[in-house]
Amino acid sequence: MAAVNASDCIRCHGVDRRYVGPAFNQVAARYQGRPDAVDYLAGKIRNGGAGEWGRALMPRHPQLSEEQARQMAQWVMSLPPAAQ
């Protein structure tokens, strides 16, 4: 997705490979079946977080609009989930 590639997401996340943060398909696997997954992930993208995937901090991205964050989250959730 263009918005993901244009942001700093790929510094820490690969589509199917963990770097500093989880792979995008690992995120899709963890939150599949969660009705609020897109909204939850959009909030994490904009507000950051810590402690859900180890010690690495998820930085805040307040420069992104809610709609941009939702589009990114929708793209992540559209990926085939990683095998558990």
N, C-alpha and C. Protein backbone atom coordinates (compact mmCIF):
# COMPACT_ATOMS: atom_id res chain seq x y z
N MET A 1 0.85 -1.19 0.00
CA MET A 1 0.00 0.00 0.00
C MET A 1 0.88 1.24 0.00
N ALA A 2 0.51 2.21 -0.78
CA ALA A 2 1.32 3.42 -0.95
C ALA A 2 1.52 4.18 0.36
N ALA A 3 0.49 4.32 1.16
CA ALA A 3 0.61 5.08 2.42
C ALA A 3 1.58 4.42 3.38
N VAL A 4 1.58 3.11 3.43
CA VAL A 4 2.52 2.39 4.30
C VAL A 4 3.94 2.58 3.79
N ASN A 5 4.13 2.44 2.50
CA ASN A 5 5.47 2.61 1.92
C ASN A 5 5.97 4.04 2.05
N ALA A 6 5.07 5.01 2.02
CA ALA A 6 5.46 6.42 2.12
C ALA A 6 5.76 6.84 3.55
N SER A 7 5.29 6.08 4.51
CA SER A 7 5.53 6.42 5.92
C SER A 7 6.78 5.69 6.41
N ASP A 8 7.01 5.74 7.70
CA ASP A 8 8.17 5.05 8.27
C ASP A 8 7.85 3.64 8.74
N CYS A 9 6.68 3.11 8.39
CA CYS A 9 6.25 1.78 8.85
C CYS A 9 7.27 0.69 8.50
N ILE A 10 7.79 0.77 7.28
CA ILE A 10 8.65 -0.31 6.81
C ILE A 10 10.04 -0.30 7.46
N ARG A 11 10.32 0.69 8.25
CA ARG A 11 11.57 0.66 9.03
C ARG A 11 11.51 -0.42 10.11
N CYS A 12 10.31 -0.70 10.60
CA CYS A 12 10.15 -1.63 11.72
C CYS A 12 9.36 -2.88 11.38
N HIS A 13 8.56 -2.84 10.31
CA HIS A 13 7.68 -3.95 9.96
C HIS A 13 7.92 -4.40 8.53
N GLY A 14 7.94 -5.70 8.32
CA GLY A 14 7.90 -6.27 6.98
C GLY A 14 6.53 -6.87 6.75
N VAL A 15 6.20 -7.16 5.52
CA VAL A 15 4.90 -7.78 5.26
C VAL A 15 4.85 -9.15 5.91
N ASP A 16 5.89 -9.95 5.73
CA ASP A 16 5.89 -11.29 6.30
C ASP A 16 7.17 -11.59 7.07
N ARG A 17 7.81 -10.54 7.54
CA ARG A 17 9.05 -10.72 8.31
C ARG A 17 9.10 -9.71 9.45
N ARG A 18 9.41 -10.20 10.62
CA ARG A 18 9.53 -9.36 11.79
C ARG A 18 10.88 -8.65 11.76
N TYR A 19 10.86 -7.36 12.01
CA TYR A 19 12.08 -6.58 12.18
C TYR A 19 12.08 -6.08 13.62
N VAL A 20 11.99 -4.81 13.85
CA VAL A 20 11.87 -4.27 15.21
C VAL A 20 10.50 -4.61 15.77
N GLY A 21 9.49 -4.43 14.93
CA GLY A 21 8.11 -4.75 15.31
C GLY A 21 7.64 -5.98 14.56
N PRO A 22 6.43 -6.42 14.84
CA PRO A 22 5.91 -7.63 14.21
C PRO A 22 5.70 -7.44 12.71
N ALA A 23 5.73 -8.55 11.99
CA ALA A 23 5.38 -8.52 10.57
C ALA A 23 3.91 -8.16 10.44
N PHE A 24 3.56 -7.50 9.36
CA PHE A 24 2.17 -7.12 9.16
C PHE A 24 1.25 -8.34 9.16
N ASN A 25 1.71 -9.48 8.59
CA ASN A 25 0.84 -10.65 8.58
C ASN A 25 0.70 -11.27 9.98
N GLN A 26 1.66 -11.02 10.88
CA GLN A 26 1.50 -11.44 12.27
C GLN A 26 0.42 -10.60 12.96
N VAL A 27 0.40 -9.32 12.64
CA VAL A 27 -0.63 -8.44 13.19
C VAL A 27 -2.00 -8.90 12.69
N ALA A 28 -2.09 -9.19 11.39
CA ALA A 28 -3.36 -9.68 10.83
C ALA A 28 -3.81 -10.95 11.53
N ALA A 29 -2.88 -11.86 11.80
CA ALA A 29 -3.22 -13.11 12.48
C ALA A 29 -3.72 -12.86 13.89
N ARG A 30 -3.07 -11.98 14.62
CA ARG A 30 -3.46 -11.73 16.01
C ARG A 30 -4.85 -11.13 16.11
N TYR A 31 -5.20 -10.25 15.19
CA TYR A 31 -6.45 -9.51 15.32
C TYR A 31 -7.57 -10.00 14.41
N GLN A 32 -7.32 -11.07 13.63
CA GLN A 32 -8.40 -11.59 12.79
C GLN A 32 -9.54 -12.06 13.70
N GLY A 33 -10.74 -11.81 13.29
CA GLY A 33 -11.89 -12.19 14.09
C GLY A 33 -12.28 -11.16 15.14
N ARG A 34 -11.45 -10.16 15.33
CA ARG A 34 -11.78 -9.10 16.29
C ARG A 34 -12.59 -8.04 15.54
N PRO A 35 -13.85 -7.83 15.92
CA PRO A 35 -14.71 -6.91 15.17
C PRO A 35 -14.18 -5.49 15.08
N ASP A 36 -13.45 -5.04 16.09
CA ASP A 36 -12.95 -3.67 16.09
C ASP A 36 -11.50 -3.57 15.66
N ALA A 37 -10.99 -4.59 14.96
CA ALA A 37 -9.56 -4.65 14.62
C ALA A 37 -9.09 -3.41 13.87
N VAL A 38 -9.83 -2.97 12.87
CA VAL A 38 -9.39 -1.82 12.07
C VAL A 38 -9.34 -0.57 12.94
N ASP A 39 -10.37 -0.33 13.72
CA ASP A 39 -10.38 0.85 14.59
C ASP A 39 -9.27 0.77 15.64
N TYR A 40 -9.09 -0.42 16.22
CA TYR A 40 -8.05 -0.61 17.24
C TYR A 40 -6.67 -0.33 16.65
N LEU A 41 -6.38 -0.92 15.50
CA LEU A 41 -5.07 -0.74 14.88
C LEU A 41 -4.86 0.69 14.40
N ALA A 42 -5.91 1.32 13.90
CA ALA A 42 -5.79 2.72 13.49
C ALA A 42 -5.41 3.58 14.69
N GLY A 43 -5.98 3.28 15.84
CA GLY A 43 -5.63 4.00 17.07
C GLY A 43 -4.18 3.78 17.45
N LYS A 44 -3.69 2.54 17.31
CA LYS A 44 -2.29 2.25 17.61
C LYS A 44 -1.36 2.97 16.64
N ILE A 45 -1.75 3.05 15.39
CA ILE A 45 -0.93 3.74 14.39
C ILE A 45 -0.81 5.22 14.76
N ARG A 46 -1.90 5.84 15.11
CA ARG A 46 -1.89 7.28 15.42
C ARG A 46 -1.32 7.58 16.81
N ASN A 47 -1.61 6.73 17.79
CA ASN A 47 -1.27 7.04 19.19
C ASN A 47 -0.08 6.26 19.73
N GLY A 48 0.40 5.26 19.00
CA GLY A 48 1.52 4.47 19.47
C GLY A 48 1.10 3.49 20.55
N GLY A 49 2.10 2.81 21.10
CA GLY A 49 1.82 1.83 22.14
C GLY A 49 3.09 1.12 22.54
N ALA A 50 2.94 0.25 23.52
CA ALA A 50 4.09 -0.51 24.02
C ALA A 50 3.60 -1.76 24.73
N GLY A 51 4.46 -2.78 24.72
CA GLY A 51 4.23 -3.96 25.52
C GLY A 51 3.39 -5.06 24.91
N GLU A 52 2.84 -4.86 23.73
CA GLU A 52 2.01 -5.90 23.15
C GLU A 52 2.79 -6.87 22.27
N TRP A 53 3.96 -6.46 21.83
CA TRP A 53 4.78 -7.29 20.94
C TRP A 53 6.22 -7.33 21.45
N GLY A 54 6.40 -7.34 22.73
CA GLY A 54 7.75 -7.32 23.29
C GLY A 54 8.10 -5.92 23.78
N ARG A 55 9.37 -5.64 23.82
CA ARG A 55 9.84 -4.39 24.40
C ARG A 55 9.82 -3.19 23.47
N ALA A 56 9.77 -3.43 22.19
CA ALA A 56 9.82 -2.32 21.23
C ALA A 56 8.61 -1.41 21.36
N LEU A 57 8.85 -0.12 21.28
CA LEU A 57 7.77 0.87 21.33
C LEU A 57 7.25 1.13 19.93
N MET A 58 5.95 1.26 19.82
CA MET A 58 5.33 1.70 18.57
C MET A 58 5.22 3.21 18.66
N PRO A 59 5.93 3.94 17.80
CA PRO A 59 5.88 5.40 17.89
C PRO A 59 4.53 5.95 17.44
N ARG A 60 4.21 7.12 17.93
CA ARG A 60 2.99 7.82 17.54
C ARG A 60 3.15 8.37 16.12
N HIS A 61 2.04 8.47 15.42
CA HIS A 61 2.01 9.06 14.08
C HIS A 61 0.85 10.05 14.00
N PRO A 62 0.90 11.12 14.81
CA PRO A 62 -0.22 12.07 14.85
C PRO A 62 -0.38 12.87 13.56
N GLN A 63 0.63 12.84 12.69
CA GLN A 63 0.53 13.56 11.43
C GLN A 63 -0.42 12.86 10.46
N LEU A 64 -0.75 11.61 10.73
CA LEU A 64 -1.68 10.88 9.88
C LEU A 64 -3.11 11.21 10.29
N SER A 65 -3.97 11.36 9.32
CA SER A 65 -5.38 11.56 9.64
C SER A 65 -5.98 10.23 10.10
N GLU A 66 -7.14 10.31 10.74
CA GLU A 66 -7.82 9.08 11.14
C GLU A 66 -8.11 8.22 9.92
N GLU A 67 -8.51 8.83 8.83
CA GLU A 67 -8.82 8.08 7.62
C GLU A 67 -7.57 7.39 7.06
N GLN A 68 -6.43 8.07 7.06
CA GLN A 68 -5.19 7.44 6.60
C GLN A 68 -4.84 6.24 7.49
N ALA A 69 -4.95 6.41 8.79
CA ALA A 69 -4.64 5.32 9.72
C ALA A 69 -5.60 4.15 9.51
N ARG A 70 -6.87 4.43 9.27
CA ARG A 70 -7.85 3.37 9.01
C ARG A 70 -7.52 2.64 7.71
N GLN A 71 -7.12 3.37 6.68
CA GLN A 71 -6.76 2.72 5.42
C GLN A 71 -5.55 1.81 5.60
N MET A 72 -4.58 2.26 6.38
CA MET A 72 -3.41 1.42 6.66
C MET A 72 -3.83 0.17 7.42
N ALA A 73 -4.67 0.34 8.42
CA ALA A 73 -5.13 -0.80 9.22
C ALA A 73 -5.95 -1.76 8.36
N GLN A 74 -6.78 -1.24 7.47
CA GLN A 74 -7.55 -2.10 6.58
C GLN A 74 -6.62 -2.91 5.68
N TRP A 75 -5.57 -2.27 5.20
CA TRP A 75 -4.61 -2.99 4.36
C TRP A 75 -3.94 -4.11 5.16
N VAL A 76 -3.51 -3.82 6.37
CA VAL A 76 -2.88 -4.85 7.21
C VAL A 76 -3.84 -6.02 7.40
N MET A 77 -5.09 -5.71 7.73
CA MET A 77 -6.05 -6.78 7.99
C MET A 77 -6.47 -7.52 6.72
N SER A 78 -6.16 -6.98 5.55
CA SER A 78 -6.48 -7.67 4.30
C SER A 78 -5.42 -8.71 3.93
N LEU A 79 -4.29 -8.69 4.61
CA LEU A 79 -3.21 -9.62 4.31
C LEU A 79 -3.55 -11.02 4.80
N PRO A 80 -3.04 -12.04 4.10
CA PRO A 80 -3.22 -13.39 4.63
C PRO A 80 -2.48 -13.49 5.97
N PRO A 81 -3.17 -13.95 7.02
CA PRO A 81 -2.51 -14.01 8.33
C PRO A 81 -1.35 -14.99 8.34
N ALA A 82 -0.36 -14.68 9.15
CA ALA A 82 0.78 -15.57 9.33
C ALA A 82 0.30 -16.85 10.01
N ALA A 83 0.95 -17.95 9.70
CA ALA A 83 0.63 -19.21 10.38
C ALA A 83 0.99 -19.07 11.85
N GLN A 84 0.13 -19.55 12.68
CA GLN A 84 0.37 -19.44 14.13
C GLN A 84 1.21 -20.59 14.63
